[in-house]
Amino acid sequence: MFSRLLFNRDIRTPSVTLEGDIFQPSGLLTGGSRKGGGDLLRQLHELAETEAELSMHEKRLMEIEAKIRELLPLHKKCMDLKAQLELKLYDLKLFQGRAEQNEHHKLGELVKRIEQELQEAKSTAKEKQLLHEDCVNKVSFLEKSIKEHDSSREGRLKDLEKKIKETKAHLQSASKDLKGHENEKEKLIMEKDVVLKELASLETQLSSLRIQIDCLTSELEEQRERLLLQEISMIMQNLSLIQFVKRMEMEQKDCSTKVDKLIERHAWITSEKHLFGKSGTDYDFSTRDPLNAREELEKLQAQQSGLEKRVNKKVMAMFEKAEDEYNDLMSKKNIIENDKSKIKMVIEELDEKKKETLKVTWVKVNKDFGSIFSTLLPGTMGKLEPPEGCSFLDGLEVRVAFGGVWKQSLSELSGGQRSLLALSLILALLLFKPAPLYILDEVDAALDLSHTQNIGRMIKSHFPHSQFIVVSLKEGMFNNANVLFRTKFVDGVSTVQRTVAKQNK
């Protein structure tokens, strides 16, 4: 390749290799025996490349230094803005602290809490309503089942009631017979008393006889055998009397235990005891036969036991259980209805509070809206009123009057007048709960100078306790500002200039 370039007819130029050998087009070759010449050229070549890179880096370094010099003012401006931002954040924190202690903020928190309670009450009301509907469905189902059960068991219950009445009649007759037995018992008790009296008299006679015997023993020793026999006979008679008395006492005890058991079993005995044995009453024992009464009682008891086997006792238990469940459900239903009435009262109270709050809000916003709109457009009036035949709860319409003549529609207003109307409504809503800070970005861009001045006056008069940051390009807005911040370019750099109004110095 090297020889083709060297001996080309069009080129024919002397050439030097990297090792330092010189080739002439005529064919002369020199420098073949020199050492180190090629390394020097290579080093010169590397030096040239390094110098080229160095110049390129120096040029780039100059460009970077120029950019740094351009960014130094921006860096300074950034640091200043950062410091101002920290100051504004501190001011904002102070404003937030004041706002949290403001009455309007407390009222806002109270309204939020009331709304949350209203939502909870509504959700509770929904749950109670669902529970009430479920209980009503259960009650209707149970009533239906009870009616079906009643339709099928009325005949059987009538038969059972009839049989129960018959059984009660038999029991009453048996109780009357039992009262006859009680009268007999009383007769026996009276006879026992008579026997006891006779025994007492006999005991007195016996004692008197013994005394006589003791007194006459000395006189009647001769007749001892005869008197002894008489005494033995009398003693035998006394012993028989004593055995009779003991037997009567045992019978009395048995009768008394039976009487006690009957009194415990039948409570009516104590209440009707004073009628026992009297003629013309159910307890006239002289006209009653105890044996016949006992036989009738046994027959009635046998009939009762037979009826008990045919009566289904589970039906009565099921009826009592269903009746208990029905009473329980009715009590729950009453409780739910009471809770429902209470919840309705709470909802009505909250609705009244909501209506009162909406009415107060409407009155305040309507007043501020008219005042702000008349300030922005002198000679005009504005108000918020409900449509014809409706209340303020159904909605509100914006009405505007120019020179005392009310407009039929807002389409009759110009674009600037509509802008002022919308701005008045927004500011009136904001004035209901004033915030400590507002930011307006060129709200006067499409307005005339006079309207711009009116906006500044309106802000100053209606929002004395709030701070406004207004971005504007018109002098009319500047005249009402307390502090102006003007931005402009100085030597290609954006700067901010702060100016305090003369009236506030």
Protein backbone atom coordinates (compact mmCIF):
# COMPACT_ATOMS: atom_id res chain seq x y z
CA MET A 1 0.00 0.00 0.00
CA PHE A 2 2.88 2.40 0.88
CA SER A 3 4.75 1.73 -2.37
CA ARG A 4 1.57 2.31 -4.43
CA LEU A 5 1.15 5.76 -2.91
CA LEU A 6 4.84 6.65 -3.29
CA PHE A 7 5.25 5.70 -6.93
CA ASN A 8 1.86 6.81 -8.15
CA ARG A 9 2.24 9.09 -11.18
CA ASP A 10 -0.38 11.48 -9.90
CA ILE A 11 1.11 11.81 -6.42
CA ARG A 12 4.92 11.29 -6.62
CA THR A 13 5.66 13.00 -3.29
CA PRO A 14 8.54 12.21 -0.84
CA SER A 15 7.29 10.26 2.17
CA VAL A 16 8.59 9.60 5.69
CA THR A 17 7.65 6.47 7.67
CA LEU A 18 6.96 6.35 11.39
CA GLU A 19 10.45 4.88 11.92
CA GLY A 20 12.07 7.95 10.21
CA ASP A 21 12.94 6.38 6.83
CA ILE A 22 12.72 8.78 3.85
CA PHE A 23 11.52 7.55 0.45
CA GLN A 24 12.04 9.57 -2.72
CA PRO A 25 9.92 9.05 -5.88
CA SER A 26 13.15 8.54 -7.76
CA GLY A 27 13.77 5.41 -5.67
CA LEU A 28 16.28 6.86 -3.17
CA LEU A 29 15.91 5.48 0.34
CA THR A 30 17.69 7.11 3.32
CA GLY A 31 17.71 6.76 7.11
CA GLY A 32 17.51 3.03 7.36
CA SER A 33 20.41 2.83 9.84
CA ARG A 34 19.23 5.62 12.26
CA LYS A 35 17.71 4.56 15.60
CA GLY A 36 15.18 6.50 17.67
CA GLY A 37 14.01 8.74 14.87
CA GLY A 38 10.69 6.95 14.53
CA ASP A 39 9.97 7.23 18.32
CA LEU A 40 10.51 10.97 18.22
CA LEU A 41 8.00 11.43 15.42
CA ARG A 42 5.52 9.25 17.22
CA GLN A 43 5.97 11.33 20.39
CA LEU A 44 5.57 14.51 18.34
CA HIS A 45 2.36 13.09 16.91
CA GLU A 46 1.07 12.20 20.40
CA LEU A 47 2.05 15.65 21.66
CA ALA A 48 0.06 17.27 18.87
CA GLU A 49 -2.98 15.18 19.71
CA THR A 50 -2.64 15.99 23.41
CA GLU A 51 -2.34 19.72 22.66
CA ALA A 52 -5.49 19.50 20.54
CA GLU A 53 -7.38 17.80 23.39
CA LEU A 54 -6.01 20.36 25.84
CA SER A 55 -7.23 23.24 23.71
CA MET A 56 -10.63 21.60 23.39
CA HIS A 57 -10.88 21.12 27.17
CA GLU A 58 -9.71 24.70 27.79
CA LYS A 59 -12.42 25.94 25.43
CA ARG A 60 -15.01 23.85 27.24
CA LEU A 61 -13.71 25.11 30.59
CA MET A 62 -14.13 28.71 29.39
CA GLU A 63 -17.71 27.96 28.33
CA ILE A 64 -18.47 26.43 31.76
CA GLU A 65 -16.95 29.43 33.56
CA ALA A 66 -19.07 31.74 31.41
CA LYS A 67 -22.20 29.76 32.34
CA ILE A 68 -21.22 29.89 36.02
CA ARG A 69 -20.81 33.68 35.77
CA GLU A 70 -24.30 33.84 34.23
CA LEU A 71 -25.82 31.64 36.96
CA LEU A 72 -24.27 33.52 39.88
CA PRO A 73 -27.03 36.21 39.94
CA LEU A 74 -29.66 33.49 39.67
CA HIS A 75 -28.07 31.65 42.57
CA LYS A 76 -28.11 34.81 44.64
CA LYS A 77 -31.73 35.41 43.67
CA CYS A 78 -32.56 31.80 44.58
CA MET A 79 -30.99 32.21 48.01
CA ASP A 80 -32.94 35.44 48.55
CA LEU A 81 -36.18 33.78 47.47
CA LYS A 82 -35.44 30.82 49.77
CA ALA A 83 -34.99 33.19 52.70
CA GLN A 84 -38.21 35.00 51.78
CA LEU A 85 -39.98 31.63 51.48
CA GLU A 86 -38.87 30.68 54.97
CA LEU A 87 -40.17 34.01 56.28
CA LYS A 88 -43.49 33.52 54.47
CA LEU A 89 -43.79 29.97 55.80
CA TYR A 90 -43.25 31.29 59.30
CA ASP A 91 -45.88 33.99 58.70
CA LEU A 92 -48.21 31.35 57.29
CA LYS A 93 -47.74 29.21 60.38
CA LEU A 94 -48.58 32.22 62.55
CA PHE A 95 -51.67 32.90 60.43
CA GLN A 96 -52.74 29.26 60.74
CA GLY A 97 -52.33 29.43 64.52
CA ARG A 98 -54.46 32.56 64.63
CA ALA A 99 -57.01 31.02 62.27
CA GLU A 100 -57.36 27.94 64.47
CA GLN A 101 -58.26 30.23 67.38
CA ASN A 102 -60.64 32.25 65.22
CA GLU A 103 -64.36 32.02 65.94
CA HIS A 104 -65.18 31.16 62.33
CA HIS A 105 -62.74 28.25 62.38
CA LYS A 106 -64.30 26.93 65.59
CA LEU A 107 -67.75 27.23 64.05
CA GLY A 108 -66.52 25.38 60.96
CA GLU A 109 -65.17 22.56 63.11
CA LEU A 110 -68.48 22.48 65.01
CA VAL A 111 -70.43 22.24 61.74
CA LYS A 112 -68.14 19.42 60.52
CA ARG A 113 -68.67 17.56 63.80
CA ILE A 114 -72.45 18.07 63.55
CA GLU A 115 -72.40 16.80 59.94
CA GLN A 116 -70.44 13.76 61.02
CA GLU A 117 -72.94 13.11 63.82
CA LEU A 118 -75.74 13.54 61.28
CA GLN A 119 -74.15 10.92 59.01
CA GLU A 120 -73.76 8.56 61.97
CA ALA A 121 -77.38 9.16 62.99
CA LYS A 122 -78.54 8.49 59.43
CA SER A 123 -76.57 5.25 59.28
CA THR A 124 -77.96 4.22 62.69
CA ALA A 125 -81.46 5.09 61.46
CA LYS A 126 -80.95 2.91 58.40
CA GLU A 127 -79.78 0.01 60.58
CA LYS A 128 -82.77 0.48 62.90
CA GLN A 129 -85.10 0.64 59.89
CA LEU A 130 -83.70 -2.64 58.53
CA LEU A 131 -83.98 -4.25 61.97
CA HIS A 132 -87.56 -2.96 62.27
CA GLU A 133 -88.49 -4.37 58.86
CA ASP A 134 -86.96 -7.73 59.79
CA CYS A 135 -88.90 -7.82 63.06
CA VAL A 136 -92.14 -6.80 61.28
CA ASN A 137 -91.64 -9.64 58.79
CA LYS A 138 -91.04 -12.10 61.63
CA VAL A 139 -94.14 -10.85 63.48
CA SER A 140 -96.31 -11.16 60.36
CA PHE A 141 -94.98 -14.68 59.75
CA LEU A 142 -95.67 -15.69 63.36
CA GLU A 143 -99.14 -14.14 63.26
CA LYS A 144 -99.89 -16.06 60.08
CA SER A 145 -98.64 -19.31 61.62
CA ILE A 146 -100.63 -18.65 64.81
CA LYS A 147 -103.77 -17.98 62.77
CA GLU A 148 -103.30 -21.24 60.85
CA HIS A 149 -102.69 -23.07 64.12
CA ASP A 150 -105.76 -21.42 65.67
CA SER A 151 -107.97 -22.43 62.71
CA SER A 152 -106.96 -26.07 63.12
CA ARG A 153 -107.08 -26.30 66.91
CA GLU A 154 -110.26 -24.36 67.71
CA GLY A 155 -112.43 -27.52 67.42
CA ARG A 156 -110.14 -29.58 69.59
CA LEU A 157 -109.81 -26.80 72.15
CA LYS A 158 -113.61 -26.49 72.34
CA ASP A 159 -113.91 -30.26 72.97
CA LEU A 160 -111.19 -30.10 75.58
CA GLU A 161 -112.80 -27.10 77.28
CA LYS A 162 -116.13 -28.92 77.34
CA LYS A 163 -114.54 -31.98 78.91
CA ILE A 164 -112.64 -29.80 81.37
CA LYS A 165 -115.89 -28.12 82.42
CA GLU A 166 -117.51 -31.52 82.97
CA THR A 167 -114.52 -32.65 84.99
CA LYS A 168 -114.67 -29.48 87.07
CA ALA A 169 -118.37 -30.10 87.75
CA HIS A 170 -117.57 -33.65 88.90
CA LEU A 171 -114.77 -32.30 91.06
CA GLN A 172 -117.11 -29.78 92.66
CA SER A 173 -119.63 -32.51 93.50
CA ALA A 174 -116.80 -34.62 94.88
CA SER A 175 -115.58 -31.69 96.95
CA LYS A 176 -119.10 -31.32 98.34
CA ASP A 177 -119.05 -35.00 99.31
CA LEU A 178 -115.68 -34.43 100.89
CA LYS A 179 -117.19 -31.63 102.92
CA GLY A 180 -119.79 -34.17 104.13
CA HIS A 181 -116.94 -36.36 105.32
CA GLU A 182 -115.51 -33.39 107.09
CA ASN A 183 -118.81 -32.91 108.91
CA GLU A 184 -118.71 -36.55 109.97
CA LYS A 185 -115.19 -35.95 111.19
CA GLU A 186 -116.38 -33.06 113.27
CA LYS A 187 -119.14 -35.24 114.71
CA LEU A 188 -116.54 -37.81 115.66
CA ILE A 189 -114.45 -35.11 117.24
CA MET A 190 -117.47 -33.99 119.24
CA GLU A 191 -118.18 -37.57 120.32
CA LYS A 192 -114.54 -37.87 121.35
CA ASP A 193 -114.93 -34.79 123.49
CA VAL A 194 -118.01 -36.30 125.13
CA VAL A 195 -116.12 -39.54 125.80
CA LEU A 196 -113.23 -37.58 127.25
CA LYS A 197 -115.63 -35.79 129.54
CA GLU A 198 -117.12 -39.09 130.62
CA LEU A 199 -113.63 -40.45 131.21
CA ALA A 200 -112.82 -37.47 133.32
CA SER A 201 -115.99 -37.94 135.33
CA LEU A 202 -115.18 -41.63 135.73
CA GLU A 203 -111.68 -40.77 136.87
CA THR A 204 -113.15 -38.43 139.47
CA GLN A 205 -115.55 -41.12 140.57
CA LEU A 206 -112.67 -43.59 140.74
CA SER A 207 -110.66 -41.28 142.90
CA SER A 208 -113.61 -40.70 145.18
CA LEU A 209 -114.19 -44.44 145.45
CA ARG A 210 -110.57 -45.03 146.30
CA ILE A 211 -110.83 -42.46 149.04
CA GLN A 212 -113.94 -44.13 150.38
CA ILE A 213 -112.20 -47.50 150.18
CA ASP A 214 -109.21 -46.17 152.09
CA CYS A 215 -111.50 -44.67 154.66
CA LEU A 216 -113.61 -47.80 155.02
CA THR A 217 -110.78 -50.38 154.97
CA SER A 218 -110.52 -50.36 158.71
CA GLU A 219 -114.27 -50.75 159.06
CA LEU A 220 -114.74 -53.26 156.21
CA GLU A 221 -111.89 -55.67 156.86
CA GLU A 222 -114.42 -58.32 157.60
CA GLN A 223 -116.06 -57.87 154.27
CA ARG A 224 -112.69 -57.65 152.37
CA GLU A 225 -113.30 -60.60 150.15
CA ARG A 226 -116.67 -59.32 149.01
CA LEU A 227 -115.41 -55.81 148.59
CA LEU A 228 -112.26 -57.14 146.95
CA LEU A 229 -114.36 -58.91 144.37
CA GLN A 230 -116.39 -55.79 143.86
CA GLU A 231 -113.20 -53.77 143.53
CA ILE A 232 -111.78 -56.23 141.01
CA SER A 233 -114.96 -55.98 138.93
CA MET A 234 -114.84 -52.23 139.06
CA ILE A 235 -111.15 -52.31 138.04
CA MET A 236 -111.98 -54.47 135.05
CA GLN A 237 -114.69 -52.07 134.05
CA ASN A 238 -112.22 -49.18 134.39
CA LEU A 239 -109.65 -51.04 132.29
CA SER A 240 -112.15 -51.58 129.51
CA LEU A 241 -113.02 -47.91 129.65
CA ILE A 242 -109.32 -46.98 129.46
CA GLN A 243 -108.82 -49.19 126.40
CA PHE A 244 -111.85 -47.59 124.75
CA VAL A 245 -110.42 -44.13 125.45
CA LYS A 246 -107.05 -45.07 123.98
CA ARG A 247 -108.72 -46.45 120.86
CA MET A 248 -110.68 -43.23 120.50
CA GLU A 249 -107.46 -41.20 120.88
CA MET A 250 -105.78 -43.19 118.10
CA GLU A 251 -108.76 -42.61 115.83
CA GLN A 252 -108.67 -38.93 116.73
CA LYS A 253 -104.99 -38.71 115.73
CA ASP A 254 -105.68 -40.44 112.41
CA CYS A 255 -108.56 -38.13 111.69
CA SER A 256 -106.51 -35.05 112.60
CA THR A 257 -103.67 -36.08 110.23
CA LYS A 258 -106.20 -36.70 107.47
CA VAL A 259 -107.75 -33.30 108.14
CA ASP A 260 -104.34 -31.60 107.99
CA LYS A 261 -103.56 -33.27 104.69
CA LEU A 262 -106.91 -32.27 103.24
CA ILE A 263 -106.41 -28.67 104.36
CA GLU A 264 -102.97 -28.59 102.75
CA ARG A 265 -104.32 -30.11 99.53
CA HIS A 266 -107.47 -27.92 99.29
CA ALA A 267 -107.12 -24.27 100.20
CA TRP A 268 -110.87 -23.64 100.01
CA ILE A 269 -111.49 -25.63 103.24
CA THR A 270 -110.14 -22.86 105.47
CA SER A 271 -112.19 -20.19 103.69
CA GLU A 272 -115.51 -22.16 103.82
CA LYS A 273 -115.03 -24.00 107.09
CA HIS A 274 -117.59 -21.83 108.88
CA LEU A 275 -120.34 -23.25 106.58
CA PHE A 276 -119.70 -26.90 107.47
CA GLY A 277 -122.74 -28.67 108.91
CA LYS A 278 -125.17 -25.81 108.37
CA SER A 279 -128.53 -26.64 106.82
CA GLY A 280 -129.47 -25.04 103.50
CA THR A 281 -125.83 -24.94 102.33
CA ASP A 282 -123.74 -27.22 100.16
CA TYR A 283 -122.11 -28.55 103.32
CA ASP A 284 -125.26 -29.94 104.95
CA PHE A 285 -123.79 -33.31 105.92
CA SER A 286 -127.12 -34.69 107.16
CA THR A 287 -128.40 -34.95 103.58
CA ARG A 288 -125.19 -36.46 102.17
CA ASP A 289 -124.09 -40.08 102.10
CA PRO A 290 -120.26 -40.39 102.39
CA LEU A 291 -120.17 -43.82 100.75
CA ASN A 292 -122.05 -42.66 97.65
CA ALA A 293 -119.88 -39.53 97.45
CA ARG A 294 -116.73 -41.67 97.62
CA GLU A 295 -117.98 -43.92 94.82
CA GLU A 296 -118.78 -40.88 92.62
CA LEU A 297 -115.34 -39.43 93.38
CA GLU A 298 -113.63 -42.63 92.26
CA LYS A 299 -115.68 -42.65 89.04
CA LEU A 300 -114.77 -39.02 88.29
CA GLN A 301 -111.09 -39.69 88.95
CA ALA A 302 -111.18 -42.62 86.54
CA GLN A 303 -112.82 -40.42 83.88
CA GLN A 304 -110.22 -37.71 84.45
CA SER A 305 -107.33 -40.13 84.01
CA GLY A 306 -108.89 -41.38 80.78
CA LEU A 307 -109.29 -37.85 79.45
CA GLU A 308 -105.69 -36.99 80.34
CA LYS A 309 -104.46 -39.85 78.14
CA ARG A 310 -106.38 -38.51 75.13
CA VAL A 311 -105.32 -34.84 75.53
CA ASN A 312 -102.09 -33.84 73.70
CA LYS A 313 -100.11 -31.89 76.29
CA LYS A 314 -97.46 -30.89 73.74
CA VAL A 315 -100.00 -28.69 71.94
CA MET A 316 -100.49 -26.58 75.04
CA ALA A 317 -96.74 -26.35 75.53
CA MET A 318 -96.29 -25.31 71.88
CA PHE A 319 -99.08 -22.76 72.24
CA GLU A 320 -97.49 -21.30 75.36
CA LYS A 321 -94.10 -21.18 73.64
CA ALA A 322 -95.55 -19.43 70.57
CA GLU A 323 -97.42 -17.02 72.84
CA ASP A 324 -94.19 -16.22 74.74
CA GLU A 325 -92.33 -15.66 71.46
CA TYR A 326 -95.15 -13.43 70.22
CA ASN A 327 -95.07 -11.36 73.43
CA ASP A 328 -91.27 -11.11 73.17
CA LEU A 329 -91.49 -9.94 69.57
CA MET A 330 -94.18 -7.43 70.44
CA SER A 331 -91.99 -6.01 73.22
CA LYS A 332 -89.05 -5.80 70.81
CA LYS A 333 -91.34 -4.15 68.27
CA ASN A 334 -92.37 -1.54 70.85
CA ILE A 335 -88.72 -0.89 71.68
CA ILE A 336 -87.86 -0.50 67.98
CA GLU A 337 -90.83 1.81 67.43
CA ASN A 338 -89.69 3.95 70.38
CA ASP A 339 -86.15 4.04 68.96
CA LYS A 340 -87.57 4.89 65.54
CA SER A 341 -89.58 7.79 66.98
CA LYS A 342 -86.49 9.05 68.82
CA ILE A 343 -84.39 8.82 65.65
CA LYS A 344 -87.09 10.65 63.70
CA MET A 345 -87.08 13.39 66.33
CA VAL A 346 -83.27 13.66 66.08
CA ILE A 347 -83.47 13.79 62.27
CA GLU A 348 -86.17 16.45 62.46
CA GLU A 349 -84.05 18.48 64.89
CA LEU A 350 -81.02 18.15 62.60
CA ASP A 351 -83.16 19.13 59.60
CA GLU A 352 -84.37 22.19 61.49
CA LYS A 353 -80.79 23.09 62.39
CA LYS A 354 -79.79 22.55 58.75
CA LYS A 355 -82.61 24.79 57.57
CA GLU A 356 -81.68 27.45 60.11
CA THR A 357 -78.01 27.25 59.09
CA LEU A 358 -78.93 27.45 55.38
CA LYS A 359 -81.22 30.40 56.06
CA VAL A 360 -78.53 32.25 58.02
CA THR A 361 -76.02 31.48 55.25
CA TRP A 362 -78.44 32.68 52.56
CA VAL A 363 -79.20 35.94 54.40
CA LYS A 364 -75.51 36.69 55.04
CA VAL A 365 -74.32 35.76 51.51
CA ASN A 366 -77.24 37.67 49.93
CA LYS A 367 -76.39 40.80 51.93
CA ASP A 368 -72.65 40.61 51.13
CA PHE A 369 -73.38 39.78 47.48
CA GLY A 370 -75.53 42.91 47.03
CA SER A 371 -73.00 45.08 48.85
CA ILE A 372 -69.99 43.78 46.86
CA PHE A 373 -71.77 43.97 43.50
CA SER A 374 -72.97 47.54 44.15
CA THR A 375 -69.37 48.45 45.09
CA LEU A 376 -67.93 46.94 41.91
CA LEU A 377 -70.68 48.45 39.71
CA PRO A 378 -72.03 51.65 41.30
CA GLY A 379 -75.73 52.25 40.67
CA THR A 380 -76.58 48.54 40.53
CA MET A 381 -78.17 46.06 42.89
CA GLY A 382 -77.89 42.30 43.19
CA LYS A 383 -79.63 39.68 45.25
CA LEU A 384 -80.15 35.93 45.63
CA GLU A 385 -83.78 34.86 45.86
CA PRO A 386 -85.68 31.59 45.38
CA PRO A 387 -87.70 31.02 42.21
CA GLU A 388 -91.31 32.07 42.15
CA GLY A 389 -93.50 29.73 44.23
CA CYS A 390 -90.49 27.98 45.83
CA SER A 391 -88.49 28.32 49.05
CA PHE A 392 -84.77 28.93 49.49
CA LEU A 393 -84.34 25.17 50.08
CA ASP A 394 -85.39 24.46 46.47
CA GLY A 395 -82.73 26.73 44.96
CA LEU A 396 -81.69 30.36 44.46
CA GLU A 397 -81.60 32.64 41.44
CA VAL A 398 -79.28 35.60 40.80
CA ARG A 399 -81.19 38.83 40.13
CA VAL A 400 -79.50 42.06 38.97
CA ALA A 401 -80.92 45.60 38.71
CA PHE A 402 -79.46 48.60 36.87
CA GLY A 403 -80.85 51.98 37.93
CA GLY A 404 -83.70 50.33 39.86
CA VAL A 405 -84.83 48.18 36.89
CA TRP A 406 -84.45 44.45 37.45
CA LYS A 407 -83.16 42.40 34.54
CA GLN A 408 -85.21 39.45 33.40
CA SER A 409 -82.17 37.33 32.48
CA LEU A 410 -78.41 37.44 32.93
CA SER A 411 -78.02 37.14 29.17
CA GLU A 412 -78.77 40.90 28.98
CA LEU A 413 -75.43 41.65 30.74
CA SER A 414 -72.16 42.23 28.96
CA GLY A 415 -69.12 40.02 29.38
CA GLY A 416 -67.41 42.37 31.86
CA GLN A 417 -70.60 42.71 33.92
CA ARG A 418 -70.95 38.94 34.08
CA SER A 419 -67.33 38.66 35.23
CA LEU A 420 -67.98 41.19 38.01
CA LEU A 421 -71.20 39.37 38.94
CA ALA A 422 -69.38 36.02 39.21
CA LEU A 423 -66.55 37.64 41.19
CA SER A 424 -69.10 39.23 43.56
CA LEU A 425 -70.81 35.90 44.18
CA ILE A 426 -67.51 34.08 44.80
CA LEU A 427 -66.26 36.77 47.19
CA ALA A 428 -69.61 36.83 49.03
CA LEU A 429 -69.36 33.07 49.60
CA LEU A 430 -65.76 33.48 50.78
CA LEU A 431 -66.79 36.32 53.08
CA PHE A 432 -69.22 34.01 54.91
CA LYS A 433 -66.18 32.16 56.32
CA PRO A 434 -63.23 34.49 55.75
CA ALA A 435 -59.80 32.95 55.30
CA PRO A 436 -56.63 34.70 56.48
CA LEU A 437 -55.05 34.72 53.00
CA TYR A 438 -56.38 34.97 49.38
CA ILE A 439 -54.47 34.89 46.08
CA LEU A 440 -56.03 36.48 42.96
CA ASP A 441 -54.28 36.05 39.60
CA GLU A 442 -55.19 38.83 37.10
CA VAL A 443 -58.91 38.86 37.86
CA ASP A 444 -59.01 42.36 36.27
CA ALA A 445 -57.43 41.33 32.96
CA ALA A 446 -60.63 41.83 30.94
CA LEU A 447 -61.98 44.81 32.93
CA ASP A 448 -61.76 48.55 32.51
CA LEU A 449 -59.60 50.77 34.71
CA SER A 450 -62.59 52.03 36.71
CA HIS A 451 -63.72 48.49 37.48
CA THR A 452 -60.19 47.60 38.54
CA GLN A 453 -60.17 50.50 41.01
CA ASN A 454 -63.56 49.36 42.32
CA ILE A 455 -62.17 45.86 42.96
CA GLY A 456 -59.35 47.37 45.01
CA ARG A 457 -61.76 49.49 47.05
CA MET A 458 -64.08 46.56 47.57
CA ILE A 459 -61.26 44.34 48.89
CA LYS A 460 -60.13 47.08 51.24
CA SER A 461 -63.63 47.73 52.63
CA HIS A 462 -65.13 44.21 52.79
CA PHE A 463 -62.09 42.15 53.81
CA PRO A 464 -60.36 44.19 56.51
CA HIS A 465 -59.16 41.10 58.44
CA SER A 466 -57.79 39.10 55.49
CA GLN A 467 -54.62 39.42 53.44
CA PHE A 468 -54.78 39.49 49.62
CA ILE A 469 -51.99 38.70 47.19
CA VAL A 470 -53.18 40.10 43.86
CA VAL A 471 -51.32 39.65 40.58
CA SER A 472 -52.21 42.56 38.28
CA LEU A 473 -50.79 44.68 35.46
CA LYS A 474 -53.04 47.73 35.92
CA GLU A 475 -52.38 50.88 37.90
CA GLY A 476 -55.94 50.98 39.23
CA MET A 477 -55.24 47.97 41.39
CA PHE A 478 -51.91 49.38 42.61
CA ASN A 479 -53.53 52.47 44.14
CA ASN A 480 -55.32 50.45 46.84
CA ALA A 481 -52.42 48.13 47.70
CA ASN A 482 -50.57 48.41 50.98
CA VAL A 483 -47.34 46.93 49.58
CA LEU A 484 -46.27 46.55 45.94
CA PHE A 485 -43.83 43.98 44.57
CA ARG A 486 -42.68 44.94 41.07
CA THR A 487 -40.70 42.50 38.90
CA LYS A 488 -38.44 43.62 36.05
CA PHE A 489 -35.29 42.63 34.17
CA VAL A 490 -32.02 44.27 35.16
CA ASP A 491 -29.01 43.31 33.02
CA GLY A 492 -30.88 40.24 31.81
CA VAL A 493 -31.76 39.16 35.37
CA SER A 494 -35.30 39.20 36.88
CA THR A 495 -35.42 41.30 40.06
CA VAL A 496 -38.14 42.12 42.61
CA GLN A 497 -38.65 45.61 44.04
CA ARG A 498 -40.74 46.14 47.18
CA THR A 499 -42.60 49.42 47.61
CA VAL A 500 -44.77 50.45 50.57
CA ALA A 501 -47.72 52.74 49.86
CA LYS A 502 -47.35 56.30 51.18
CA GLN A 503 -50.49 56.22 53.27
CA ASN A 504 -49.15 53.20 55.17
CA LYS A 505 -45.68 54.53 55.95
